[in-house]
Amino acid sequence: MPKNGLSRETVYRWIRRVEAAMYSALADRPPRRRG
């Protein structure tokens, strides 16, 4: 963890992961992989 705190990129990555997990759980279907 950087002393400055979490960088925007890190926060965005975390949000993406959380959103993907929540959406997959709510949709009750396997998570979509971007590609």
C-alpha atoms as a PDB file:
ATOM      1  CA  MET A   1       0.000   0.000   0.000  1.00  0.00           C
ATOM      2  CA  PRO A   2       1.494   3.348  -1.033  1.00  0.00           C
ATOM      3  CA  LYS A   3       1.993   5.914   1.696  1.00  0.00           C
ATOM      4  CA  ASN A   4      -0.046   8.405  -0.311  1.00  0.00           C
ATOM      5  CA  GLY A   5      -2.990   6.033  -0.032  1.00  0.00           C
ATOM      6  CA  LEU A   6      -4.846   4.144  -2.713  1.00  0.00           C
ATOM      7  CA  SER A   7      -4.302   5.408  -6.217  1.00  0.00           C
ATOM      8  CA  ARG A   8      -7.263   5.955  -8.517  1.00  0.00           C
ATOM      9  CA  GLU A   9      -6.222   2.979 -10.636  1.00  0.00           C
ATOM     10  CA  THR A  10      -6.160   0.704  -7.591  1.00  0.00           C
ATOM     11  CA  VAL A  11      -9.532   1.981  -6.411  1.00  0.00           C
ATOM     12  CA  TYR A  12     -11.005   1.520  -9.877  1.00  0.00           C
ATOM     13  CA  ARG A  13      -9.650  -2.027 -10.030  1.00  0.00           C
ATOM     14  CA  TRP A  14     -11.195  -2.800  -6.647  1.00  0.00           C
ATOM     15  CA  ILE A  15     -14.529  -1.276  -7.675  1.00  0.00           C
ATOM     16  CA  ARG A  16     -14.465  -3.291 -10.888  1.00  0.00           C
ATOM     17  CA  ARG A  17     -13.811  -6.493  -8.950  1.00  0.00           C
ATOM     18  CA  VAL A  18     -16.521  -5.790  -6.381  1.00  0.00           C
ATOM     19  CA  GLU A  19     -19.032  -4.757  -9.033  1.00  0.00           C
ATOM     20  CA  ALA A  20     -18.258  -7.829 -11.130  1.00  0.00           C
ATOM     21  CA  ALA A  21     -18.671 -10.099  -8.110  1.00  0.00           C
ATOM     22  CA  MET A  22     -21.911  -8.428  -7.031  1.00  0.00           C
ATOM     23  CA  TYR A  23     -23.347  -8.419 -10.541  1.00  0.00           C
ATOM     24  CA  SER A  24     -22.435 -12.071 -11.102  1.00  0.00           C
ATOM     25  CA  ALA A  25     -24.008 -12.964  -7.754  1.00  0.00           C
ATOM     26  CA  LEU A  26     -27.166 -10.955  -8.475  1.00  0.00           C
ATOM     27  CA  ALA A  27     -27.444 -12.273 -12.015  1.00  0.00           C
ATOM     28  CA  ASP A  28     -26.770 -15.790 -10.670  1.00  0.00           C
ATOM     29  CA  ARG A  29     -24.657 -16.532 -13.712  1.00  0.00           C
ATOM     30  CA  PRO A  30     -20.914 -16.958 -14.365  1.00  0.00           C
ATOM     31  CA  PRO A  31     -18.974 -13.663 -14.453  1.00  0.00           C
ATOM     32  CA  ARG A  32     -18.278 -12.216 -17.887  1.00  0.00           C
ATOM     33  CA  ARG A  33     -14.630 -11.998 -18.872  1.00  0.00           C
ATOM     34  CA  ARG A  34     -13.704  -8.973 -20.947  1.00  0.00           C
ATOM     35  CA  GLY A  35     -11.754  -9.764 -24.093  1.00  0.00           C
END
